[in-house]
Amino acid sequence: QVRLEESGGGFVQPGGSLKLSCAASGSLDDFEAMYWYRQAPGKQREHVAGLTRRGTIAYSDPAEGRFTIPRDNGKNMIYLQMNNLIPEDTAVYFCHVLSGPSNYWGPGAQGTVSS
């Protein structure tokens, strides 16, 4: 069983930055892939960024050029660095990992972008 917990959400003005953290209970090396998703009010959950064990990184079109997905293996942490935020980035952000035949989700962290 893998536990994930997001933190670092909050309120920021347009053009600002937020850095979300995801603490995993297991070693990141045990995960085939790690992702960030988000769900805005009234919308479906959508992929934001993903990182495979081999180091392949992919971003959604809205995230490309503004977001990055760094990791810290020593701390079992996955991050989502979000820059140049816009109101449309307001959502609950979820950490998601694949481990063998299973997948796990964190409870989510709210990020709000508003003037």
Protein backbone atom coordinates (compact mmCIF):
# COMPACT_ATOMS: atom_id res chain seq x y z
CA GLN A 1 0.00 0.00 0.00
CA VAL A 2 1.40 3.38 -1.02
CA ARG A 3 0.34 6.58 0.70
CA LEU A 4 0.64 9.92 -0.99
CA GLU A 5 0.10 13.32 0.54
CA GLU A 6 0.14 16.62 -1.30
CA SER A 7 1.04 19.95 0.29
CA GLY A 8 1.95 23.46 -0.75
CA GLY A 9 -1.35 24.56 -2.21
CA GLY A 10 -2.68 28.00 -1.57
CA PHE A 11 -3.72 31.30 -3.03
CA VAL A 12 -1.67 33.25 -5.57
CA GLN A 13 -2.25 36.17 -7.91
CA PRO A 14 -2.07 35.78 -11.68
CA GLY A 15 1.52 35.63 -12.83
CA GLY A 16 2.65 34.15 -9.55
CA SER A 17 4.09 30.75 -8.68
CA LEU A 18 3.21 27.78 -6.53
CA LYS A 19 5.23 24.71 -5.72
CA LEU A 20 3.26 21.63 -4.79
CA SER A 21 4.86 18.72 -2.98
CA CYS A 22 3.86 15.06 -2.90
CA ALA A 23 5.28 12.91 -0.13
CA ALA A 24 5.29 9.20 -0.95
CA SER A 25 5.45 6.46 1.66
CA GLY A 26 7.66 4.30 -0.56
CA SER A 27 10.78 4.71 -2.62
CA LEU A 28 10.29 6.57 -5.88
CA ASP A 29 12.32 3.84 -7.56
CA ASP A 30 9.40 1.46 -6.91
CA PHE A 31 7.10 3.49 -9.16
CA GLU A 32 6.88 2.97 -12.89
CA ALA A 33 5.53 6.47 -13.32
CA MET A 34 4.51 9.51 -11.30
CA TYR A 35 1.94 12.07 -12.35
CA TRP A 36 0.22 15.24 -11.39
CA TYR A 37 -3.44 15.66 -12.27
CA ARG A 38 -5.86 18.47 -11.53
CA GLN A 39 -9.59 18.94 -11.32
CA ALA A 40 -11.20 22.32 -11.68
CA PRO A 41 -14.73 23.01 -10.40
CA GLY A 42 -17.30 21.42 -12.69
CA LYS A 43 -14.65 19.79 -14.88
CA GLN A 44 -13.16 16.35 -15.27
CA ARG A 45 -9.82 15.45 -13.76
CA GLU A 46 -7.04 16.04 -16.28
CA HIS A 47 -3.41 15.13 -16.67
CA VAL A 48 -0.92 17.92 -15.99
CA ALA A 49 2.55 16.37 -15.94
CA GLY A 50 4.11 12.93 -15.83
CA LEU A 51 7.51 11.42 -15.13
CA THR A 52 8.47 7.81 -15.81
CA ARG A 53 11.09 5.77 -13.97
CA ARG A 54 13.31 6.04 -17.03
CA GLY A 55 13.14 9.82 -16.87
CA THR A 56 10.69 10.52 -19.66
CA ILE A 57 8.70 13.66 -18.90
CA ALA A 58 5.48 14.81 -20.52
CA TYR A 59 3.35 17.87 -19.95
CA SER A 60 -0.17 18.75 -20.98
CA ASP A 61 -0.49 21.61 -23.43
CA PRO A 62 -1.63 24.09 -20.72
CA ALA A 63 1.35 23.14 -18.55
CA GLU A 64 4.04 23.10 -21.23
CA GLY A 65 6.60 25.85 -20.69
CA ARG A 66 5.16 26.93 -17.32
CA PHE A 67 5.24 23.82 -15.10
CA THR A 68 8.00 21.37 -14.20
CA ILE A 69 7.94 18.07 -12.27
CA PRO A 70 11.16 17.75 -10.25
CA ARG A 71 11.77 14.90 -7.85
CA ASP A 72 13.93 14.18 -4.82
CA ASN A 73 14.63 10.47 -4.52
CA GLY A 74 16.33 10.86 -1.17
CA LYS A 75 13.23 12.39 0.36
CA ASN A 76 10.70 10.34 -1.65
CA MET A 77 9.20 13.60 -2.86
CA ILE A 78 7.66 14.63 -6.15
CA TYR A 79 7.05 18.29 -6.87
CA LEU A 80 5.03 20.37 -9.28
CA GLN A 81 6.58 23.77 -9.84
CA MET A 82 4.00 26.06 -11.40
CA ASN A 83 5.01 29.45 -12.79
CA ASN A 84 3.19 32.26 -14.57
CA LEU A 85 -0.10 31.04 -13.19
CA ILE A 86 -3.43 32.08 -14.65
CA PRO A 87 -6.94 31.86 -13.16
CA GLU A 88 -7.65 28.82 -15.34
CA ASP A 89 -5.03 26.93 -13.31
CA THR A 90 -7.32 27.05 -10.27
CA ALA A 91 -7.99 23.44 -9.32
CA VAL A 92 -7.41 20.68 -6.84
CA TYR A 93 -4.08 19.09 -7.74
CA PHE A 94 -3.53 15.36 -7.22
CA CYS A 95 -0.42 13.25 -7.08
CA HIS A 96 -0.76 9.84 -8.78
CA VAL A 97 1.70 6.96 -9.05
CA LEU A 98 1.83 3.60 -10.79
CA SER A 99 3.39 0.74 -8.85
CA GLY A 100 3.21 -2.69 -10.43
CA PRO A 101 -0.45 -3.56 -11.11
CA SER A 102 -1.69 -0.86 -8.75
CA ASN A 103 -2.11 2.85 -8.87
CA TYR A 104 -2.47 5.31 -6.02
CA TRP A 105 -3.85 8.80 -5.53
CA GLY A 106 -3.25 11.46 -2.94
CA PRO A 107 -6.17 13.38 -1.40
CA GLY A 108 -5.31 16.53 -3.35
CA ALA A 109 -4.24 20.09 -2.64
CA GLN A 110 -6.14 23.22 -3.64
CA GLY A 111 -4.42 25.85 -5.74
CA THR A 112 -6.30 29.08 -6.37
CA VAL A 113 -5.21 31.79 -8.81
CA SER A 114 -7.12 35.03 -8.50
CA SER A 115 -6.62 38.76 -8.34
